[in-house]
N, C-alpha and C. Protein backbone atom coordinates (compact mmCIF):
# COMPACT_ATOMS: atom_id res chain seq x y z
N UNK A 1 8.63 -20.32 4.11
CA UNK A 1 8.03 -19.07 3.63
C UNK A 1 8.38 -17.94 4.61
N UNK A 2 8.71 -16.79 4.07
CA UNK A 2 9.05 -15.64 4.91
C UNK A 2 7.82 -15.15 5.64
N UNK A 3 8.04 -14.52 6.79
CA UNK A 3 6.91 -13.95 7.52
C UNK A 3 6.45 -12.68 6.82
N UNK A 4 5.22 -12.27 7.10
CA UNK A 4 4.69 -11.02 6.50
C UNK A 4 5.57 -9.85 6.91
N UNK A 5 6.04 -9.87 8.17
CA UNK A 5 6.90 -8.77 8.63
C UNK A 5 8.20 -8.72 7.84
N UNK A 6 8.73 -9.88 7.48
CA UNK A 6 9.97 -9.91 6.69
C UNK A 6 9.75 -9.32 5.30
N UNK A 7 8.56 -9.55 4.72
CA UNK A 7 8.26 -8.93 3.42
C UNK A 7 8.26 -7.41 3.53
N UNK A 8 7.66 -6.90 4.61
CA UNK A 8 7.65 -5.45 4.84
C UNK A 8 9.07 -4.93 5.00
N UNK A 9 9.85 -5.60 5.86
CA UNK A 9 11.18 -5.10 6.22
C UNK A 9 12.20 -5.29 5.10
N UNK A 10 12.12 -6.41 4.38
CA UNK A 10 13.13 -6.75 3.39
C UNK A 10 12.73 -6.36 1.97
N UNK A 11 11.55 -6.81 1.54
CA UNK A 11 11.16 -6.63 0.14
C UNK A 11 10.58 -5.26 -0.15
N UNK A 12 10.15 -4.54 0.86
CA UNK A 12 9.58 -3.21 0.64
C UNK A 12 10.54 -2.14 1.18
N UNK A 13 10.56 -1.93 2.49
CA UNK A 13 11.42 -0.89 3.08
C UNK A 13 12.90 -1.18 2.83
N UNK A 14 13.28 -2.45 2.90
CA UNK A 14 14.68 -2.84 2.75
C UNK A 14 15.29 -2.53 1.39
N UNK A 15 14.45 -2.27 0.39
CA UNK A 15 14.96 -1.94 -0.95
C UNK A 15 15.52 -0.53 -1.01
N UNK A 16 15.17 0.30 -0.02
CA UNK A 16 15.58 1.70 -0.06
C UNK A 16 14.70 2.54 -0.97
N UNK A 17 13.65 1.93 -1.53
CA UNK A 17 12.76 2.64 -2.46
C UNK A 17 11.39 2.92 -1.85
N UNK A 18 11.16 2.39 -0.65
CA UNK A 18 9.89 2.54 0.06
C UNK A 18 10.20 3.06 1.47
N UNK A 19 9.52 4.13 1.88
CA UNK A 19 9.79 4.72 3.20
C UNK A 19 9.21 3.90 4.34
N UNK A 20 7.90 3.62 4.26
CA UNK A 20 7.20 2.81 5.26
C UNK A 20 6.25 1.91 4.50
N UNK A 21 5.89 0.79 5.12
CA UNK A 21 5.03 -0.16 4.42
C UNK A 21 4.16 -0.94 5.40
N UNK A 22 3.10 -1.52 4.85
CA UNK A 22 2.23 -2.39 5.62
C UNK A 22 1.64 -3.44 4.70
N UNK A 23 1.30 -4.57 5.28
CA UNK A 23 0.51 -5.59 4.58
C UNK A 23 -0.74 -5.80 5.41
N UNK A 24 -1.89 -5.64 4.77
CA UNK A 24 -3.16 -5.77 5.48
C UNK A 24 -4.03 -6.78 4.76
N UNK A 25 -5.04 -7.27 5.48
CA UNK A 25 -6.00 -8.17 4.88
C UNK A 25 -7.09 -7.39 4.18
N UNK A 26 -7.89 -8.07 3.38
CA UNK A 26 -9.00 -7.42 2.68
C UNK A 26 -10.05 -6.89 3.66
N UNK A 27 -10.00 -7.38 4.91
CA UNK A 27 -10.93 -6.93 5.96
C UNK A 27 -10.39 -5.72 6.72
N UNK A 28 -9.22 -5.20 6.29
CA UNK A 28 -8.64 -4.02 6.92
C UNK A 28 -7.72 -4.32 8.09
N UNK A 29 -7.63 -5.59 8.48
CA UNK A 29 -6.75 -5.96 9.61
C UNK A 29 -5.29 -5.94 9.20
N UNK A 30 -4.43 -5.48 10.10
CA UNK A 30 -2.99 -5.39 9.81
C UNK A 30 -2.30 -6.73 10.02
N UNK A 31 -1.54 -7.18 9.02
CA UNK A 31 -0.74 -8.40 9.12
C UNK A 31 0.70 -8.08 9.51
N UNK A 32 1.22 -6.98 9.00
CA UNK A 32 2.59 -6.56 9.30
C UNK A 32 2.72 -5.09 8.93
N UNK A 33 3.60 -4.38 9.64
CA UNK A 33 3.74 -2.95 9.35
C UNK A 33 5.09 -2.43 9.81
N UNK A 34 5.52 -1.32 9.21
CA UNK A 34 6.72 -0.63 9.66
C UNK A 34 6.45 -0.03 11.03
N UNK A 35 7.50 0.10 11.82
CA UNK A 35 7.40 0.72 13.13
C UNK A 35 6.87 2.16 12.98
N UNK A 36 5.86 2.50 13.80
CA UNK A 36 5.31 3.85 13.78
C UNK A 36 4.41 4.15 12.59
N UNK A 37 4.08 3.14 11.82
CA UNK A 37 3.22 3.31 10.65
C UNK A 37 1.94 2.54 10.90
N UNK A 38 0.81 3.25 10.97
CA UNK A 38 -0.44 2.61 11.32
C UNK A 38 -1.48 2.81 10.22
N UNK A 39 -1.95 1.72 9.66
CA UNK A 39 -3.10 1.78 8.76
C UNK A 39 -4.29 1.30 9.58
N UNK A 40 -5.20 2.22 9.91
CA UNK A 40 -6.33 1.85 10.76
C UNK A 40 -7.25 0.89 10.01
N UNK A 41 -8.07 0.19 10.75
CA UNK A 41 -9.02 -0.75 10.13
C UNK A 41 -9.91 -0.01 9.14
N UNK A 42 -10.36 1.20 9.50
CA UNK A 42 -11.23 1.97 8.60
C UNK A 42 -10.49 2.38 7.33
N UNK A 43 -9.25 2.83 7.48
CA UNK A 43 -8.44 3.17 6.31
C UNK A 43 -8.30 1.95 5.40
N UNK A 44 -8.05 0.79 6.01
CA UNK A 44 -7.90 -0.45 5.26
C UNK A 44 -9.18 -0.85 4.55
N UNK A 45 -10.30 -0.73 5.23
CA UNK A 45 -11.59 -1.06 4.62
C UNK A 45 -11.92 -0.11 3.47
N UNK A 46 -11.62 1.17 3.65
CA UNK A 46 -11.86 2.16 2.58
C UNK A 46 -11.01 1.83 1.36
N UNK A 47 -9.75 1.46 1.60
CA UNK A 47 -8.87 1.07 0.49
C UNK A 47 -9.41 -0.17 -0.21
N UNK A 48 -9.75 -1.18 0.58
CA UNK A 48 -10.24 -2.45 0.01
C UNK A 48 -11.47 -2.21 -0.86
N UNK A 49 -12.38 -1.35 -0.39
CA UNK A 49 -13.60 -1.05 -1.15
C UNK A 49 -13.27 -0.33 -2.45
N UNK A 50 -12.22 0.48 -2.44
CA UNK A 50 -11.87 1.31 -3.60
C UNK A 50 -11.35 0.50 -4.78
N UNK A 51 -10.92 -0.74 -4.54
CA UNK A 51 -10.50 -1.58 -5.67
C UNK A 51 -11.72 -1.93 -6.53
N UNK A 52 -12.91 -1.91 -5.92
CA UNK A 52 -14.15 -2.16 -6.67
C UNK A 52 -14.74 -0.85 -7.20
N UNK A 53 -14.76 0.18 -6.33
CA UNK A 53 -15.33 1.48 -6.69
C UNK A 53 -14.55 2.57 -5.97
N UNK A 54 -13.79 3.34 -6.72
CA UNK A 54 -12.88 4.32 -6.12
C UNK A 54 -13.50 5.71 -6.01
N UNK A 55 -14.77 5.87 -6.35
CA UNK A 55 -15.37 7.21 -6.37
C UNK A 55 -15.29 7.90 -5.00
N UNK A 56 -15.49 7.13 -3.92
CA UNK A 56 -15.41 7.69 -2.57
C UNK A 56 -14.01 8.22 -2.27
N UNK A 57 -12.99 7.43 -2.60
CA UNK A 57 -11.60 7.83 -2.36
C UNK A 57 -11.22 9.00 -3.26
N UNK A 58 -11.72 8.98 -4.48
CA UNK A 58 -11.41 10.09 -5.41
C UNK A 58 -11.97 11.41 -4.91
N UNK A 59 -13.16 11.38 -4.30
CA UNK A 59 -13.78 12.64 -3.84
C UNK A 59 -13.25 13.08 -2.48
N UNK A 60 -13.03 12.13 -1.57
CA UNK A 60 -12.64 12.49 -0.19
C UNK A 60 -11.14 12.41 0.07
N UNK A 61 -10.42 11.72 -0.82
CA UNK A 61 -9.01 11.48 -0.58
C UNK A 61 -8.80 10.13 0.09
N UNK A 62 -7.60 9.61 -0.07
CA UNK A 62 -7.25 8.32 0.55
C UNK A 62 -6.43 8.61 1.80
N UNK A 63 -6.88 8.08 2.93
CA UNK A 63 -6.15 8.29 4.18
C UNK A 63 -5.32 7.05 4.50
N UNK A 64 -4.02 7.29 4.69
CA UNK A 64 -3.09 6.23 5.08
C UNK A 64 -2.29 6.80 6.25
N UNK A 65 -2.26 6.10 7.38
CA UNK A 65 -1.53 6.59 8.55
C UNK A 65 -2.03 7.99 8.92
N UNK A 66 -3.34 8.21 8.79
CA UNK A 66 -4.02 9.49 9.11
C UNK A 66 -3.61 10.64 8.20
N UNK A 67 -2.90 10.35 7.11
CA UNK A 67 -2.48 11.40 6.18
C UNK A 67 -3.31 11.32 4.91
N UNK A 68 -3.82 12.46 4.47
CA UNK A 68 -4.69 12.51 3.30
C UNK A 68 -3.86 12.56 2.01
N UNK A 69 -4.25 11.74 1.05
CA UNK A 69 -3.61 11.71 -0.27
C UNK A 69 -4.65 11.92 -1.36
N UNK A 70 -4.23 12.57 -2.42
CA UNK A 70 -5.06 12.67 -3.61
C UNK A 70 -4.85 11.40 -4.42
N UNK A 71 -5.93 10.78 -4.85
CA UNK A 71 -5.82 9.54 -5.64
C UNK A 71 -5.46 9.90 -7.09
N UNK A 72 -4.36 9.33 -7.57
CA UNK A 72 -3.92 9.62 -8.94
C UNK A 72 -4.17 8.45 -9.89
N UNK A 73 -4.35 7.25 -9.33
CA UNK A 73 -4.70 6.09 -10.13
C UNK A 73 -5.47 5.12 -9.25
N UNK A 74 -6.52 4.54 -9.80
CA UNK A 74 -7.26 3.53 -9.06
C UNK A 74 -7.91 2.57 -10.04
N UNK A 75 -7.58 1.30 -9.91
CA UNK A 75 -8.26 0.26 -10.68
C UNK A 75 -8.45 -0.96 -9.78
N UNK A 76 -8.78 -2.11 -10.35
CA UNK A 76 -9.10 -3.27 -9.50
C UNK A 76 -7.86 -3.95 -8.92
N UNK A 77 -6.67 -3.46 -9.27
CA UNK A 77 -5.44 -4.01 -8.72
C UNK A 77 -4.64 -2.98 -7.92
N UNK A 78 -4.53 -1.76 -8.44
CA UNK A 78 -3.61 -0.76 -7.88
C UNK A 78 -4.28 0.57 -7.58
N UNK A 79 -3.90 1.16 -6.46
CA UNK A 79 -4.32 2.52 -6.11
C UNK A 79 -3.06 3.31 -5.76
N UNK A 80 -2.85 4.42 -6.44
CA UNK A 80 -1.71 5.28 -6.16
C UNK A 80 -2.23 6.61 -5.64
N UNK A 81 -1.59 7.11 -4.59
CA UNK A 81 -1.98 8.40 -4.01
C UNK A 81 -0.78 9.31 -3.87
N UNK A 82 -1.05 10.61 -3.85
CA UNK A 82 0.02 11.60 -3.76
C UNK A 82 -0.35 12.66 -2.73
N UNK A 83 0.66 13.12 -2.02
CA UNK A 83 0.51 14.30 -1.16
C UNK A 83 1.79 15.11 -1.33
N UNK A 84 1.85 16.23 -0.65
CA UNK A 84 3.05 17.05 -0.79
C UNK A 84 4.28 16.25 -0.37
N UNK A 85 5.28 16.20 -1.24
CA UNK A 85 6.56 15.53 -0.97
C UNK A 85 6.46 14.03 -0.73
N UNK A 86 5.42 13.38 -1.25
CA UNK A 86 5.36 11.94 -1.06
C UNK A 86 4.07 11.33 -1.59
N UNK A 87 3.85 10.07 -1.20
CA UNK A 87 2.65 9.39 -1.65
C UNK A 87 2.69 7.92 -1.28
N UNK A 88 1.79 7.14 -1.90
CA UNK A 88 1.72 5.72 -1.60
C UNK A 88 1.28 4.92 -2.82
N UNK A 89 1.58 3.63 -2.76
CA UNK A 89 1.04 2.64 -3.69
C UNK A 89 0.39 1.56 -2.87
N UNK A 90 -0.84 1.19 -3.22
CA UNK A 90 -1.53 0.06 -2.60
C UNK A 90 -1.88 -0.92 -3.70
N UNK A 91 -1.48 -2.16 -3.53
CA UNK A 91 -1.70 -3.18 -4.57
C UNK A 91 -2.37 -4.39 -3.93
N UNK A 92 -3.44 -4.84 -4.57
CA UNK A 92 -4.23 -5.94 -4.04
C UNK A 92 -3.72 -7.27 -4.59
N UNK A 93 -3.55 -8.23 -3.69
CA UNK A 93 -3.25 -9.60 -4.10
C UNK A 93 -4.47 -10.47 -3.76
N UNK A 94 -4.36 -11.76 -3.97
CA UNK A 94 -5.47 -12.66 -3.72
C UNK A 94 -5.99 -12.55 -2.29
N UNK A 95 -5.07 -12.44 -1.33
CA UNK A 95 -5.46 -12.43 0.09
C UNK A 95 -5.15 -11.14 0.83
N UNK A 96 -4.31 -10.30 0.25
CA UNK A 96 -3.77 -9.16 1.00
C UNK A 96 -3.83 -7.87 0.19
N UNK A 97 -3.50 -6.79 0.88
CA UNK A 97 -3.25 -5.50 0.22
C UNK A 97 -1.89 -5.03 0.71
N UNK A 98 -0.99 -4.77 -0.23
CA UNK A 98 0.34 -4.27 0.10
C UNK A 98 0.31 -2.75 -0.02
N UNK A 99 0.86 -2.07 0.97
CA UNK A 99 0.89 -0.62 0.96
C UNK A 99 2.33 -0.17 1.18
N UNK A 100 2.83 0.63 0.24
CA UNK A 100 4.16 1.22 0.38
C UNK A 100 4.05 2.72 0.24
N UNK A 101 4.78 3.45 1.08
CA UNK A 101 4.78 4.91 0.98
C UNK A 101 6.18 5.38 0.60
N UNK A 102 6.24 6.58 0.06
CA UNK A 102 7.55 7.19 -0.22
C UNK A 102 7.51 8.64 0.21
N UNK A 103 8.65 9.13 0.63
CA UNK A 103 8.84 10.54 0.94
C UNK A 103 10.05 10.99 0.14
N UNK A 104 9.96 12.15 -0.52
CA UNK A 104 11.11 12.66 -1.28
C UNK A 104 12.35 12.65 -0.39
N UNK A 105 13.53 12.29 -0.92
CA UNK A 105 13.87 12.15 -2.34
C UNK A 105 13.48 10.82 -2.98
N UNK A 106 12.84 9.91 -2.27
CA UNK A 106 12.34 8.69 -2.92
C UNK A 106 11.27 9.09 -3.92
N UNK A 107 11.09 8.26 -4.96
CA UNK A 107 10.18 8.63 -6.05
C UNK A 107 8.97 7.70 -6.13
N UNK A 108 7.90 8.24 -6.69
CA UNK A 108 6.68 7.46 -6.90
C UNK A 108 6.96 6.25 -7.77
N UNK A 109 7.68 6.45 -8.86
CA UNK A 109 7.95 5.34 -9.79
C UNK A 109 8.63 4.16 -9.13
N UNK A 110 9.69 4.43 -8.36
CA UNK A 110 10.42 3.35 -7.70
C UNK A 110 9.57 2.68 -6.62
N UNK A 111 8.84 3.46 -5.87
CA UNK A 111 7.97 2.92 -4.83
C UNK A 111 6.90 2.03 -5.47
N UNK A 112 6.21 2.56 -6.47
CA UNK A 112 5.14 1.82 -7.13
C UNK A 112 5.65 0.50 -7.70
N UNK A 113 6.79 0.55 -8.40
CA UNK A 113 7.36 -0.66 -9.01
C UNK A 113 7.72 -1.71 -7.97
N UNK A 114 8.25 -1.26 -6.84
CA UNK A 114 8.66 -2.17 -5.77
C UNK A 114 7.44 -2.89 -5.18
N UNK A 115 6.36 -2.15 -4.94
CA UNK A 115 5.15 -2.75 -4.38
C UNK A 115 4.50 -3.69 -5.41
N UNK A 116 4.45 -3.26 -6.67
CA UNK A 116 3.86 -4.09 -7.73
C UNK A 116 4.63 -5.40 -7.90
N UNK A 117 5.95 -5.33 -7.81
CA UNK A 117 6.79 -6.51 -7.98
C UNK A 117 6.54 -7.54 -6.88
N UNK A 118 6.45 -7.07 -5.64
CA UNK A 118 6.17 -7.99 -4.53
C UNK A 118 4.76 -8.56 -4.67
N UNK A 119 3.82 -7.74 -5.13
CA UNK A 119 2.45 -8.23 -5.34
C UNK A 119 2.45 -9.35 -6.38
N UNK A 120 3.16 -9.16 -7.47
CA UNK A 120 3.26 -10.20 -8.51
C UNK A 120 3.78 -11.50 -7.91
N UNK A 121 4.84 -11.38 -7.11
CA UNK A 121 5.46 -12.56 -6.49
C UNK A 121 4.46 -13.27 -5.56
N UNK A 122 3.79 -12.50 -4.71
CA UNK A 122 2.85 -13.10 -3.75
C UNK A 122 1.66 -13.75 -4.47
N UNK A 123 1.19 -13.12 -5.54
CA UNK A 123 0.10 -13.71 -6.32
C UNK A 123 0.53 -15.06 -6.91
N UNK A 124 1.76 -15.09 -7.44
CA UNK A 124 2.31 -16.36 -7.98
C UNK A 124 2.38 -17.43 -6.90
N UNK A 125 2.64 -17.02 -5.66
CA UNK A 125 2.74 -17.97 -4.54
C UNK A 125 1.37 -18.35 -3.97
N UNK A 126 0.31 -17.80 -4.53
CA UNK A 126 -1.04 -18.13 -4.05
C UNK A 126 -1.57 -17.21 -2.98
N UNK A 127 -0.85 -16.12 -2.70
CA UNK A 127 -1.31 -15.16 -1.68
C UNK A 127 -1.91 -13.93 -2.33
């Protein structure tokens, strides 16, 4: 099985469709991350809670790597956020939360699809 860091480097950032990425636990702890990309424990916990109830994130914004995003989609699997010239996709799996960001010229659609695809794969593998 590939390491969590390899999933970040190869399956997310390595596709050329994701700028920076992280894999975190449902408790907000970081499992793997791109260099210079930090999802704090509080940011992770806020994200994890938003899969159940996104009202807090919708009103205050979603913070990833200390950057504020407007939430454009939130359900029990996926949260998408947008800021000027970029955004993020966060997708929950059985054990983890995958986070991918994009900065223009990368697009939301490609970033979101890439994160969703890896989430599907990890869920199939029991993660």
